[in-house]
Protein backbone atom coordinates (compact mmCIF):
# COMPACT_ATOMS: atom_id res chain seq x y z
CA MET A 1 262.12 86.14 159.53
CA LYS A 2 260.73 89.67 161.92
CA LYS A 3 257.04 88.86 162.41
CA ILE A 4 255.03 90.63 159.70
CA LYS A 5 251.35 90.48 159.25
CA PHE A 6 249.80 89.25 156.40
CA GLU A 7 247.91 92.39 155.32
CA ASP A 8 250.99 94.29 155.94
CA ALA A 9 252.67 91.67 153.82
CA VAL A 10 250.52 91.81 151.28
CA GLU A 11 250.33 96.21 151.13
CA GLU A 12 254.23 95.83 149.91
CA TYR A 13 254.37 92.60 147.91
CA LEU A 14 251.61 94.56 146.02
CA GLU A 15 253.16 97.80 146.02
CA HIS A 16 256.46 96.13 144.25
CA LYS A 17 254.62 94.33 141.90
CA LYS A 18 253.04 97.31 140.73
CA MET A 19 256.61 98.45 139.14
CA TYR A 20 256.95 95.23 137.37
CA VAL A 21 253.40 93.81 135.92
CA ARG A 22 250.54 96.23 132.83
CA ASN A 23 248.16 97.59 134.99
CA SER A 24 245.62 95.21 134.10
CA THR A 25 247.83 92.57 135.67
CA TYR A 26 247.74 94.42 138.70
CA ASP A 27 244.17 95.16 138.40
CA SER A 28 243.78 91.29 138.81
CA TYR A 29 246.51 90.87 141.58
CA TYR A 30 245.14 93.16 143.44
CA ARG A 31 240.93 91.67 143.08
CA ARG A 32 242.36 88.13 143.73
CA ILE A 33 244.55 88.99 146.77
CA TYR A 34 241.89 91.58 148.71
CA GLY A 35 239.02 88.90 147.63
CA TYR A 36 239.94 85.62 147.82
CA VAL A 37 242.83 85.85 149.88
CA VAL A 38 243.40 88.42 152.59
CA PRO A 39 239.89 87.41 154.23
CA PHE A 40 241.30 84.19 154.97
CA PHE A 41 244.68 85.40 156.06
CA GLU A 42 243.84 88.89 157.80
CA GLY A 43 245.65 88.95 161.19
CA LYS A 44 247.87 86.25 160.94
CA TYR A 45 251.11 86.31 160.66
CA VAL A 46 253.40 85.71 157.55
CA SER A 47 255.33 83.16 159.72
CA THR A 48 252.93 80.59 161.25
CA ILE A 49 251.70 79.98 157.99
CA ASP A 50 251.80 76.45 156.45
CA LYS A 51 250.83 73.37 154.51
CA LYS A 52 248.27 72.90 156.46
CA THR A 53 246.68 76.40 156.73
CA ILE A 54 247.22 76.87 153.04
CA ILE A 55 245.20 73.47 152.52
CA GLU A 56 242.12 74.88 154.83
CA TRP A 57 242.63 77.97 152.60
CA GLN A 58 241.87 76.06 149.32
CA LYS A 59 239.19 74.02 151.15
CA TYR A 60 237.48 77.41 152.14
CA LEU A 61 237.65 78.76 148.67
CA PHE A 62 235.72 75.58 147.22
CA ASN A 63 233.11 75.22 150.33
CA ASN A 64 232.23 78.71 148.91
CA GLN A 65 231.67 77.99 145.44
CA ILE A 66 234.35 79.12 143.88
CA SER A 67 235.61 76.97 140.72
CA ILE A 68 239.05 74.89 141.29
CA LYS A 69 239.99 76.55 137.96
CA TYR A 70 239.56 79.98 139.42
CA ILE A 71 240.99 78.40 142.88
CA ASN A 72 243.82 77.91 141.39
CA LYS A 73 244.94 81.17 139.68
CA ILE A 74 244.58 83.10 142.65
CA ARG A 75 247.19 79.92 144.22
CA SER A 76 249.45 81.12 141.40
CA VAL A 77 249.61 85.00 142.63
CA LEU A 78 249.49 83.69 146.31
CA HIS A 79 252.67 81.96 145.18
CA ASN A 80 254.44 84.62 143.64
CA PHE A 81 253.76 86.99 146.64
CA PHE A 82 255.33 83.76 149.35
CA LYS A 83 258.22 83.62 146.43
CA TYR A 84 258.78 87.22 146.98
CA LEU A 85 259.10 86.66 150.82
CA ILE A 86 261.41 84.12 150.77
CA GLU A 87 263.79 86.93 148.39
CA TYR A 88 263.35 90.04 150.54
CA HIS A 89 262.27 88.68 153.87
CA ASP A 90 264.18 85.31 154.33
CA LEU A 91 261.06 83.33 154.56
CA GLU A 92 262.64 80.14 154.39
CA ASN A 93 260.23 78.65 152.31
CA ASN A 94 257.37 78.74 150.07
CA PRO A 95 253.85 76.53 152.05
CA VAL A 96 252.11 77.08 148.69
CA ALA A 97 254.68 75.25 146.88
CA GLN A 98 253.91 72.40 149.81
CA ALA A 99 250.60 71.53 149.54
CA PRO A 100 248.92 69.73 146.90
CA ARG A 101 247.01 71.71 143.74
CA LEU A 102 243.23 71.04 143.33
CA ILE A 103 242.98 68.40 140.55
CA ASP A 104 240.33 70.12 137.93
CA ASN A 105 238.89 67.46 136.05
CA ALA A 106 236.40 69.59 134.62
CA PRO A 107 235.85 69.15 130.68
CA GLU A 108 237.77 71.20 128.25
CA GLU A 109 235.77 74.20 126.51
CA ASN A 110 236.12 74.20 123.13
CA ILE A 111 237.10 77.78 121.74
CA SER A 112 235.01 78.82 119.76
CA PHE A 113 236.16 80.58 116.24
CA TRP A 114 234.77 81.92 112.88
CA GLU A 115 235.69 79.64 110.08
CA PHE A 116 235.98 82.06 106.37
CA ASP A 117 232.68 81.46 105.10
CA GLU A 118 231.24 81.97 109.05
CA PHE A 119 233.18 85.55 108.64
CA GLU A 120 232.05 86.75 105.09
CA ARG A 121 228.31 86.23 106.67
CA PHE A 122 229.78 88.43 109.18
CA ILE A 123 231.14 91.09 107.56
CA ARG A 124 228.84 91.73 104.30
CA ILE A 125 226.40 93.43 106.95
CA VAL A 126 228.62 96.04 108.74
CA ASP A 127 227.73 98.95 107.31
CA ASP A 128 229.61 101.06 109.23
CA PRO A 129 232.73 102.59 107.65
CA GLU A 130 235.11 102.49 110.93
CA TYR A 131 233.91 99.08 111.95
CA TYR A 132 234.12 97.39 108.75
CA ARG A 133 238.09 97.78 108.43
CA PHE A 134 238.08 97.21 112.25
CA PHE A 135 236.95 94.10 111.97
CA MET A 136 238.78 93.43 108.56
CA PHE A 137 242.05 93.65 110.93
CA LEU A 138 241.00 91.50 113.80
CA TYR A 139 239.95 88.71 111.45
CA TYR A 140 242.27 88.89 109.32
CA THR A 141 245.77 89.86 111.26
CA GLY A 142 244.33 87.99 114.61
CA ALA A 143 245.57 90.83 116.29
CA ARG A 144 244.30 91.53 119.84
CA LYS A 145 241.64 93.82 120.08
CA GLY A 146 243.63 96.40 122.44
CA GLU A 147 246.68 95.68 120.03
CA ALA A 148 244.66 96.90 117.25
CA ARG A 149 242.97 99.41 119.17
CA ALA A 150 246.62 100.57 119.86
CA ILE A 151 247.97 100.85 115.94
CA THR A 152 248.55 104.65 114.29
CA TRP A 153 250.25 105.07 110.74
CA ASN A 154 253.12 104.80 111.94
CA GLN A 155 253.16 100.73 112.33
CA ILE A 156 252.10 99.86 108.80
CA ASP A 157 254.13 99.89 105.94
CA PHE A 158 252.05 100.11 102.78
CA LYS A 159 255.59 99.85 100.78
CA LYS A 160 256.64 96.07 102.39
CA LYS A 161 252.53 95.44 103.20
CA VAL A 162 254.07 95.51 106.80
CA ILE A 163 252.26 95.83 110.09
CA THR A 164 254.09 96.03 113.16
CA ILE A 165 252.56 95.40 116.45
CA SER A 166 254.04 96.55 119.33
CA ARG A 167 251.91 98.51 121.34
CA SER A 168 248.92 97.81 123.01
CA LEU A 169 246.11 99.92 124.84
CA GLU A 170 244.06 98.51 127.99
CA ARG A 171 240.51 99.45 128.60
CA ALA A 172 241.45 101.26 131.89
CA ILE A 173 242.23 104.97 131.61
CA LYS A 174 244.03 106.80 134.25
CA SER A 175 242.34 108.95 137.26
CA THR A 176 244.43 112.63 134.74
CA GLY A 177 242.64 110.82 131.81
CA GLU A 178 245.31 109.59 129.77
CA ARG A 179 245.61 106.19 128.09
CA ILE A 180 247.55 103.75 129.28
CA VAL A 181 249.33 102.14 126.28
CA ASN A 182 251.49 98.62 126.92
CA LYS A 183 254.01 96.72 124.94
CA PRO A 184 251.53 93.63 123.42
CA LYS A 185 250.66 91.07 125.67
CA ASN A 186 253.20 88.80 125.04
CA GLY A 187 256.37 91.82 125.48
CA GLN A 188 257.10 91.13 122.68
CA THR A 189 257.35 93.07 118.85
CA ARG A 190 255.54 91.33 116.12
CA LYS A 191 255.55 91.95 112.34
CA LEU A 192 252.48 91.01 109.76
CA ILE A 193 251.51 90.42 106.44
CA MET A 194 248.82 92.31 104.85
CA ASN A 195 246.45 89.91 102.96
CA LYS A 196 245.40 92.08 99.61
CA GLU A 197 242.12 92.50 101.06
CA LEU A 198 243.03 93.84 103.85
CA TYR A 199 245.53 96.25 102.44
CA GLU A 200 243.33 97.43 99.92
CA VAL A 201 240.88 98.18 102.91
CA LEU A 202 243.76 100.54 104.85
CA TYR A 203 245.35 102.32 102.06
CA SER A 204 242.19 103.04 100.92
CA TYR A 205 241.52 105.18 104.19
CA TYR A 206 245.41 106.10 104.69
CA LEU A 207 244.85 108.05 100.73
CA ASP A 208 241.99 109.11 102.59
CA ARG A 209 243.37 110.81 105.47
CA LYS A 210 245.99 112.11 104.17
CA MET A 211 243.57 114.38 102.50
CA ASN A 212 242.51 115.61 105.65
CA PHE A 213 243.84 118.91 106.89
CA ASN A 214 244.68 117.66 110.94
CA PHE A 215 246.12 114.01 109.76
CA LYS A 216 249.03 112.55 111.76
CA MET A 217 251.04 109.59 111.38
CA ASN A 218 250.56 108.58 114.98
CA GLU A 219 246.82 109.28 114.70
CA TYR A 220 244.60 106.06 115.12
CA VAL A 221 243.74 104.24 112.21
CA PHE A 222 240.63 103.08 114.31
CA GLY A 223 239.28 106.17 115.89
CA VAL A 224 241.50 109.15 114.73
CA ASP A 225 241.72 111.48 117.30
CA LYS A 226 241.19 109.02 120.19
CA PRO A 227 240.71 104.90 119.88
CA LEU A 228 237.41 103.29 119.37
CA SER A 229 235.70 102.61 122.89
CA ASP A 230 236.51 99.05 123.82
CA THR A 231 232.75 98.32 125.37
CA THR A 232 231.43 99.80 122.06
CA ILE A 233 233.37 97.53 120.11
CA THR A 234 232.20 94.51 121.78
CA SER A 235 228.64 95.58 121.11
CA ARG A 236 228.57 96.36 118.03
CA LYS A 237 229.82 92.87 117.37
CA ASN A 238 226.81 91.35 118.29
CA GLN A 239 224.88 94.10 117.09
CA TYR A 240 225.68 93.35 113.63
């Protein structure tokens, strides 16, 4: 392998990843690499980085109060980076794969979720019809927030009472002001059956919207011309 500086290889790698991952994933890679990897490896030649160097890097992060859980997430990005160099620059081995992974002995966090009676108490005081529909949609479908924000009427079949989850909106917006729409996080389209409560709420609103002169099947169900704001959704939920 020809001599290549670590930071130059990183720049090339990120340009490559940009074509194959979601924008939010790319941003995550970018932050982790430039925040926690480049400051340690900058100036080094890739070919000189070995198992010992990786162990020293992990120790460097640990001593800077970075949690083991997060160190291992960053390590996964670095592992992927060296895999790229093996494939495209004939690097002989992956030093991350040779270095032992840190063991996280922190207790598992309990997943917090609402029982049905808790949701009923919550939804009872949601006094804004749009957010009432939105929170109903989230609870009864289990859809991610970005998937719900991206829903258009084209994705709802009221005859079959089926919702097709095929899109997801990212929080970020392009510099042109254009919204970023991707496939769902797992990359797969799925179909969900509406229960009676959700069907009645959405169908009633659908009939109201159809009476409007500017109604379009490709408008956002939650927001019409533009989707509900991600941050406003969170603040409204916390308020209620």
